[in-house]
Amino acid sequence: MKKIAFFDTKPYDKIFFKKLKDEYDLEFRFYESKLNIDNAYKAKGYDGAVAFVNDDIDKETIDALCENGIRVLAMRCAGYNNVDIKAAFNKIHVLRVPAYSPYAVAEHAMALLLCINRKIHKAYNRTRDNNFSISGLTGFDLHGKTVGVIGTGKIGQVFIDICRGFGMKILAYDPYPIKDSDITYTDVETLCKESDVISLHCPLTKETNHLINEKTIKLMKEDAVIINTSRGALIDSEALTTALVEERIGGAGLDVYEEESDLFFEDASDKILKDNVLARLVNLPNVVVTSHQAFLTKEALENIARTTCQNLYDYFEGNTLENEICYKCKKFDTCDRKGGKCF
C-alpha cells in the first residue's frame, strides 16, 4: 500500500478519497495546511503527494519535495498555474484532473448571472427581514441578449448550450476555435463591444493574464455583466472594481479572485478583511462573490477523487500517465514519453 501526503484538506475531500483508498491500494495522511516551502517536509517518508489549486508549488517547494523523496505530485484539480512546471521537469511527475464536471462549473456560472440579474441576493436578504418590497430589483430578459464566451473548451461549450436554452445569442473567442462548429467566433475587442454578458472559461496563461483590464472594460456596454468561474487573474481586479464603482459596467459574478490563495476555502468571518479590493467588491450591490465553489458538486467531487487515485495508481504501476503535465509537452517540444511517462 502506497502512502500519500494529502495537503490542503477539506472535510469533503476526506469523504470521497476515503471511499476509494482500498480500491486503489492507497493510504492517505490528511494535512489541513497548504503545500508550500514551509511544510513540504511533511511529505518525508511518503510515496507521493496530493495538492490543490491554491497551494504554492514553486521551484523551492518542488526541490524540497524531491529532497524528501517525492517523485509524483497529483493535483486534484484541472488548473496548474500554481505549479512551476519547468522546475518540476525531470524531478517530479505532475498529474492533474483535466475534466471532472463541466456541468458543475457552467451551471454555477449561469447561477451567478441569474443571481446578479434578478437581484436574488438582495431579495433574499430583504425577505429575511420581512421586507417584501420589490423596488430596485428590476432585471432584464436574458432572451435575445448576446453572451460573449471567452474559451470554448468543455466548460465553455456547456455554458453556451445553457445560454442557448435561454434564447441568448452567442459570440465566442478562443485562439483555437472548434472546427466546423456552429459557434460564431470573433476577436476579444468585438466580443467586449457587442456582448451584454461576458463569461470567462479559459485557462490562466501569460497571454490571458488580465485579459479583462482597463482597456477591454472601456469597450464594454455600461450595463454589461462579467462572469468569472475560471481563474481570478484573468481579470485586473482593481480595474474591474473602479469600473463598477464608477458605474461603467452593470455587474460582476466572481467565483475566483486573483489574490484568493490565502482567503478562499477558509473561514475568516472573525477577522477583518485586509484585502481592500476584495473588501470593496463584496460590498458592492451589483457584485456576487462565491469562494471558488463552482466545481463543488457531488458528481465533480467523485470524479476528482477517482481520477486523482487512478493517476497515482498508474504512476506506481508503471502505466501510461495520460494526465501528466509536462513542460516540454506544454511548450510543444519533443517529449520522449518513455515507458508512458514524460521523463
Protein backbone atom coordinates (compact mmCIF):
# COMPACT_ATOMS: atom_id res chain seq x y z
CA MET A 1 0.00 0.00 0.00
CA LYS A 2 1.43 3.36 -1.08
CA LYS A 3 1.40 6.22 1.43
CA ILE A 4 0.28 9.64 0.18
CA ALA A 5 0.64 13.03 1.88
CA PHE A 6 -2.59 14.92 1.17
CA PHE A 7 -2.33 18.72 1.54
CA ASP A 8 -4.92 21.49 1.90
CA THR A 9 -7.54 19.00 3.06
CA LYS A 10 -11.19 19.95 3.47
CA PRO A 11 -13.92 17.77 5.04
CA TYR A 12 -15.46 16.91 1.67
CA ASP A 13 -12.07 15.68 0.39
CA LYS A 14 -11.83 13.07 3.13
CA ILE A 15 -15.31 11.73 2.38
CA PHE A 16 -14.66 10.94 -1.27
CA PHE A 17 -10.99 9.91 -1.09
CA LYS A 18 -11.50 7.56 1.86
CA LYS A 19 -14.11 5.68 -0.18
CA LEU A 20 -11.50 4.83 -2.81
CA LYS A 21 -8.32 4.22 -0.82
CA ASP A 22 -8.73 0.44 -0.57
CA GLU A 23 -9.76 0.08 -4.21
CA TYR A 24 -6.54 1.77 -5.33
CA ASP A 25 -4.34 0.42 -2.51
CA LEU A 26 -3.53 3.91 -1.20
CA GLU A 27 -3.14 5.22 2.33
CA PHE A 28 -3.73 8.96 2.81
CA ARG A 29 -2.37 11.19 5.56
CA PHE A 30 -4.53 14.30 5.50
CA TYR A 31 -2.95 17.69 6.28
CA GLU A 32 -5.09 20.83 6.52
CA SER A 33 -2.15 23.12 5.70
CA LYS A 34 -1.46 24.16 2.13
CA LEU A 35 1.56 22.71 0.38
CA ASN A 36 4.41 25.24 0.24
CA ILE A 37 8.10 25.55 1.05
CA ASP A 38 7.39 25.75 4.79
CA ASN A 39 5.64 22.39 5.11
CA ALA A 40 6.94 20.31 2.21
CA TYR A 41 8.94 18.41 4.82
CA LYS A 42 5.70 16.75 5.95
CA ALA A 43 5.86 14.60 2.81
CA LYS A 44 9.04 12.88 4.00
CA GLY A 45 8.56 9.14 4.24
CA TYR A 46 5.61 9.14 1.82
CA ASP A 47 5.46 7.73 -1.70
CA GLY A 48 3.64 10.69 -3.24
CA ALA A 49 1.74 13.89 -2.52
CA VAL A 50 -1.63 15.40 -3.42
CA ALA A 51 -2.13 19.16 -3.72
CA PHE A 52 -4.78 21.68 -4.72
CA VAL A 53 -5.29 24.80 -6.77
CA ASN A 54 -4.13 27.42 -4.23
CA ASP A 55 -1.06 25.58 -2.93
CA ASP A 56 2.25 27.34 -3.62
CA ILE A 57 4.24 24.82 -5.63
CA ASP A 58 7.17 26.91 -6.79
CA LYS A 59 10.73 25.79 -7.54
CA GLU A 60 11.73 25.85 -3.86
CA THR A 61 8.74 23.68 -2.88
CA ILE A 62 9.47 21.23 -5.70
CA ASP A 63 13.11 20.97 -4.65
CA ALA A 64 12.04 20.40 -1.05
CA LEU A 65 9.64 17.64 -2.10
CA CYS A 66 12.43 15.99 -4.08
CA GLU A 67 14.78 16.18 -1.13
CA ASN A 68 12.13 14.35 0.88
CA GLY A 69 11.83 11.57 -1.67
CA ILE A 70 8.66 12.64 -3.53
CA ARG A 71 8.64 11.79 -7.23
CA VAL A 72 4.93 12.16 -8.02
CA LEU A 73 2.57 15.05 -7.27
CA ALA A 74 -1.13 14.60 -8.03
CA MET A 75 -3.09 17.82 -8.44
CA ARG A 76 -6.74 17.23 -7.58
CA CYS A 77 -7.82 19.99 -9.97
CA ALA A 78 -7.62 20.91 -13.64
CA GLY A 79 -5.58 24.10 -13.35
CA TYR A 80 -1.86 24.06 -12.65
CA ASN A 81 -0.79 27.70 -12.94
CA ASN A 82 0.36 27.47 -9.30
CA VAL A 83 2.93 24.80 -10.23
CA ASP A 84 6.36 25.62 -11.64
CA ILE A 85 6.17 23.03 -14.41
CA LYS A 86 9.61 23.88 -15.75
CA ALA A 87 11.21 23.31 -12.34
CA ALA A 88 9.32 20.02 -11.96
CA PHE A 89 10.59 18.54 -15.23
CA ASN A 90 12.97 15.63 -14.69
CA LYS A 91 12.30 15.82 -10.93
CA ILE A 92 8.63 15.20 -10.15
CA HIS A 93 5.86 13.82 -12.31
CA VAL A 94 2.92 16.23 -12.01
CA LEU A 95 -0.53 14.79 -12.72
CA ARG A 96 -3.88 16.56 -12.88
CA VAL A 97 -7.63 16.06 -13.29
CA PRO A 98 -8.31 17.56 -16.73
CA ALA A 99 -12.09 17.18 -16.50
CA TYR A 100 -14.36 16.40 -13.59
CA SER A 101 -17.70 18.02 -14.40
CA PRO A 102 -18.02 20.79 -16.96
CA TYR A 103 -21.69 20.94 -15.99
CA ALA A 104 -20.87 21.90 -12.40
CA VAL A 105 -18.83 24.95 -13.40
CA ALA A 106 -21.03 26.03 -16.31
CA GLU A 107 -24.20 25.76 -14.21
CA HIS A 108 -22.61 27.83 -11.45
CA ALA A 109 -21.69 30.50 -13.99
CA MET A 110 -25.33 30.71 -15.03
CA ALA A 111 -26.40 30.76 -11.36
CA LEU A 112 -24.18 33.79 -10.78
CA LEU A 113 -25.63 35.53 -13.83
CA LEU A 114 -29.22 34.85 -12.75
CA CYS A 115 -28.49 35.96 -9.20
CA ILE A 116 -26.99 39.29 -10.28
CA ASN A 117 -29.52 39.98 -12.99
CA ARG A 118 -32.64 39.22 -10.94
CA LYS A 119 -31.14 40.55 -7.68
CA ILE A 120 -31.76 37.24 -5.89
CA HIS A 121 -29.14 38.03 -3.25
CA LYS A 122 -30.81 41.32 -2.40
CA ALA A 123 -34.31 39.82 -2.39
CA TYR A 124 -33.15 37.02 -0.07
CA ASN A 125 -31.80 39.47 2.48
CA ARG A 126 -34.93 41.64 2.30
CA THR A 127 -37.44 38.88 2.88
CA ARG A 128 -35.47 37.58 5.85
CA ASP A 129 -36.18 40.98 7.42
CA ASN A 130 -39.86 40.79 6.41
CA ASN A 131 -39.25 43.41 3.73
CA PHE A 132 -41.32 42.33 0.74
CA SER A 133 -40.79 45.42 -1.40
CA ILE A 134 -39.57 44.73 -4.94
CA SER A 135 -38.36 48.26 -5.66
CA GLY A 136 -34.84 48.25 -7.05
CA LEU A 137 -34.96 44.58 -8.05
CA THR A 138 -35.57 45.09 -11.77
CA GLY A 139 -33.53 42.82 -14.05
CA PHE A 140 -33.51 42.19 -17.79
CA ASP A 141 -34.61 39.33 -20.05
CA LEU A 142 -31.74 37.05 -20.97
CA HIS A 143 -33.71 36.01 -24.06
CA GLY A 144 -32.34 37.83 -27.10
CA LYS A 145 -29.27 39.17 -25.31
CA THR A 146 -25.73 38.48 -26.53
CA VAL A 147 -23.36 36.49 -24.35
CA GLY A 148 -19.65 36.62 -25.08
CA VAL A 149 -17.92 33.38 -24.11
CA ILE A 150 -14.14 33.53 -23.80
CA GLY A 151 -12.83 29.97 -24.03
CA THR A 152 -14.77 27.21 -25.78
CA GLY A 153 -13.38 24.12 -24.13
CA LYS A 154 -15.68 21.61 -22.43
CA ILE A 155 -16.94 24.08 -19.81
CA GLY A 156 -17.37 26.89 -22.32
CA GLN A 157 -19.34 24.62 -24.64
CA VAL A 158 -21.69 23.52 -21.85
CA PHE A 159 -22.21 27.15 -20.86
CA ILE A 160 -23.03 28.01 -24.46
CA ASP A 161 -25.64 25.23 -24.54
CA ILE A 162 -27.21 26.59 -21.34
CA CYS A 163 -27.31 30.11 -22.75
CA ARG A 164 -28.92 28.86 -25.94
CA GLY A 165 -31.62 27.32 -23.77
CA PHE A 166 -32.38 30.84 -22.54
CA GLY A 167 -32.61 32.08 -26.12
CA MET A 168 -29.37 34.06 -25.99
CA LYS A 169 -27.17 34.92 -28.94
CA ILE A 170 -23.61 33.59 -28.78
CA LEU A 171 -20.29 35.27 -29.55
CA ALA A 172 -17.06 33.50 -28.68
CA TYR A 173 -13.33 33.98 -28.60
CA ASP A 174 -10.78 31.20 -28.48
CA PRO A 175 -7.28 31.13 -30.02
CA TYR A 176 -8.08 27.55 -31.04
CA PRO A 177 -11.66 27.68 -32.34
CA ILE A 178 -13.62 24.47 -32.77
CA LYS A 179 -13.59 23.49 -36.43
CA ASP A 180 -16.89 23.01 -38.24
CA SER A 181 -18.90 24.20 -35.22
CA ASP A 182 -21.95 26.44 -35.22
CA ILE A 183 -20.29 28.84 -32.78
CA THR A 184 -19.74 32.38 -34.03
CA TYR A 185 -16.15 33.38 -33.25
CA THR A 186 -14.76 36.88 -33.13
CA ASP A 187 -11.88 38.81 -31.57
CA VAL A 188 -11.77 39.94 -27.94
CA GLU A 189 -12.38 43.60 -28.78
CA THR A 190 -15.52 42.92 -30.81
CA LEU A 191 -16.78 40.49 -28.18
CA CYS A 192 -16.38 43.12 -25.46
CA LYS A 193 -18.16 45.77 -27.53
CA GLU A 194 -21.15 43.69 -28.56
CA SER A 195 -21.84 41.45 -25.55
CA ASP A 196 -24.42 42.06 -22.83
CA VAL A 197 -22.82 39.31 -20.73
CA ILE A 198 -19.18 38.19 -20.81
CA SER A 199 -18.28 34.83 -19.25
CA LEU A 200 -14.72 33.58 -18.85
CA HIS A 201 -13.93 29.90 -19.38
CA CYS A 202 -10.25 29.88 -20.36
CA PRO A 203 -7.04 28.82 -18.60
CA LEU A 204 -4.66 31.31 -17.00
CA THR A 205 -1.55 31.79 -19.13
CA LYS A 206 0.83 34.64 -19.83
CA GLU A 207 -1.41 35.56 -22.75
CA THR A 208 -4.66 35.55 -20.76
CA ASN A 209 -3.37 37.20 -17.58
CA HIS A 210 -5.51 40.35 -17.04
CA LEU A 211 -7.34 39.68 -20.29
CA ILE A 212 -10.11 41.79 -18.80
CA ASN A 213 -8.42 45.07 -17.99
CA GLU A 214 -8.98 48.81 -18.08
CA LYS A 215 -8.72 48.85 -21.87
CA THR A 216 -11.14 46.00 -22.56
CA ILE A 217 -13.58 47.19 -19.89
CA LYS A 218 -13.79 50.58 -21.62
CA LEU A 219 -15.06 48.76 -24.72
CA MET A 220 -17.97 47.17 -22.83
CA LYS A 221 -21.57 48.31 -22.59
CA GLU A 222 -22.50 50.29 -19.48
CA ASP A 223 -24.87 47.55 -18.35
CA ALA A 224 -22.62 44.60 -19.26
CA VAL A 225 -22.23 41.81 -16.70
CA ILE A 226 -18.93 39.94 -16.27
CA ILE A 227 -18.88 36.34 -15.01
CA ASN A 228 -15.68 34.57 -13.99
CA THR A 229 -15.62 30.93 -12.86
CA SER A 230 -12.19 30.17 -14.31
CA ARG A 231 -9.11 31.88 -12.79
CA GLY A 232 -9.02 35.11 -10.83
CA ALA A 233 -6.05 36.67 -12.61
CA LEU A 234 -7.92 36.68 -15.92
CA ILE A 235 -9.36 39.94 -14.57
CA ASP A 236 -7.48 43.02 -13.36
CA SER A 237 -9.44 43.29 -10.11
CA GLU A 238 -8.58 46.94 -9.47
CA ALA A 239 -9.71 47.96 -12.94
CA LEU A 240 -12.92 45.96 -12.51
CA THR A 241 -13.64 47.49 -9.09
CA THR A 242 -13.08 51.02 -10.39
CA ALA A 243 -15.41 50.43 -13.34
CA LEU A 244 -18.12 49.02 -11.07
CA VAL A 245 -17.87 51.92 -8.61
CA GLU A 246 -17.99 54.43 -11.46
CA GLU A 247 -20.98 52.54 -12.91
CA ARG A 248 -19.28 51.96 -16.25
CA ILE A 249 -20.40 48.32 -16.27
CA GLY A 250 -23.51 46.67 -14.89
CA GLY A 251 -22.23 43.99 -12.52
CA ALA A 252 -19.96 41.03 -11.88
CA GLY A 253 -20.28 37.46 -10.67
CA LEU A 254 -16.96 36.16 -9.40
CA ASP A 255 -16.21 32.66 -8.19
CA VAL A 256 -12.48 33.34 -8.33
CA TYR A 257 -10.22 36.24 -7.37
CA GLU A 258 -6.59 36.87 -8.31
CA GLU A 259 -5.41 37.19 -4.69
CA GLU A 260 -7.60 34.39 -3.35
CA SER A 261 -4.92 31.92 -2.27
CA ASP A 262 -4.84 32.93 1.42
CA LEU A 263 -8.57 33.63 1.66
CA PHE A 264 -10.76 31.28 -0.33
CA PHE A 265 -11.68 27.89 1.16
CA GLU A 266 -11.06 29.31 4.66
CA ASP A 267 -13.35 30.75 7.35
CA ALA A 268 -12.18 34.28 8.14
CA SER A 269 -15.52 35.52 9.46
CA ASP A 270 -13.98 36.61 12.76
CA LYS A 271 -11.23 38.64 11.08
CA ILE A 272 -11.00 42.00 9.35
CA LEU A 273 -10.61 41.61 5.59
CA LYS A 274 -7.37 43.40 4.80
CA ASP A 275 -7.59 42.99 1.04
CA ASN A 276 -9.08 46.37 0.16
CA VAL A 277 -10.02 45.41 -3.39
CA LEU A 278 -11.92 42.29 -2.34
CA ALA A 279 -13.49 44.18 0.57
CA ARG A 280 -14.90 46.71 -1.89
CA LEU A 281 -16.10 44.03 -4.30
CA VAL A 282 -18.03 42.00 -1.72
CA ASN A 283 -19.81 45.15 -0.54
CA LEU A 284 -20.98 46.35 -3.94
CA PRO A 285 -24.70 45.69 -4.51
CA ASN A 286 -24.17 44.59 -8.12
CA VAL A 287 -21.47 42.04 -7.34
CA VAL A 288 -21.83 38.45 -6.17
CA VAL A 289 -18.68 36.70 -4.92
CA THR A 290 -18.53 32.98 -4.19
CA SER A 291 -15.37 31.35 -2.88
CA HIS A 292 -14.21 29.11 -5.74
CA GLN A 293 -17.13 26.71 -5.32
CA ALA A 294 -18.19 26.30 -8.94
CA PHE A 295 -16.72 22.78 -9.01
CA LEU A 296 -18.44 21.75 -5.78
CA THR A 297 -20.99 19.12 -6.74
CA LYS A 298 -21.24 15.51 -5.62
CA GLU A 299 -20.57 14.29 -9.14
CA ALA A 300 -17.49 16.50 -9.57
CA LEU A 301 -16.02 15.50 -6.20
CA GLU A 302 -16.46 11.83 -7.05
CA ASN A 303 -14.76 12.31 -10.42
CA ILE A 304 -11.90 14.32 -8.88
CA ALA A 305 -11.22 11.65 -6.27
CA ARG A 306 -11.37 8.76 -8.73
CA THR A 307 -9.19 10.42 -11.38
CA THR A 308 -6.62 11.50 -8.78
CA CYS A 309 -6.45 7.98 -7.35
CA GLN A 310 -6.22 6.48 -10.84
CA ASN A 311 -3.39 8.89 -11.72
CA LEU A 312 -1.44 7.77 -8.67
CA TYR A 313 -2.21 4.10 -9.32
CA ASP A 314 -0.98 4.42 -12.92
CA TYR A 315 2.26 6.01 -11.76
CA PHE A 316 3.03 3.33 -9.20
CA GLU A 317 2.06 0.52 -11.59
CA GLY A 318 4.19 1.90 -14.40
CA ASN A 319 1.22 2.56 -16.67
CA THR A 320 0.96 5.36 -19.22
CA LEU A 321 0.33 8.69 -17.48
CA GLU A 322 -2.46 10.11 -19.59
CA ASN A 323 -2.90 13.14 -17.32
CA GLU A 324 0.73 14.13 -16.85
CA ILE A 325 1.65 17.82 -17.13
CA CYS A 326 4.94 18.13 -18.94
CA TYR A 327 6.96 21.29 -19.56
CA LYS A 328 8.15 20.04 -22.94
CA CYS A 329 4.68 18.88 -23.98
CA LYS A 330 3.23 22.21 -22.87
CA LYS A 331 5.81 24.03 -24.98
CA PHE A 332 5.13 21.67 -27.90
CA ASP A 333 8.75 20.49 -27.79
CA THR A 334 9.74 16.89 -28.36
CA CYS A 335 8.77 14.71 -25.40
CA ASP A 336 10.10 11.17 -25.31
CA ARG A 337 7.23 9.66 -23.28
CA LYS A 338 9.44 6.73 -22.39
CA GLY A 339 7.54 4.00 -20.60
CA GLY A 340 4.35 6.02 -20.75
CA LYS A 341 5.91 8.92 -18.79
CA CYS A 342 7.29 12.24 -19.99
CA PHE A 343 10.74 11.61 -18.49
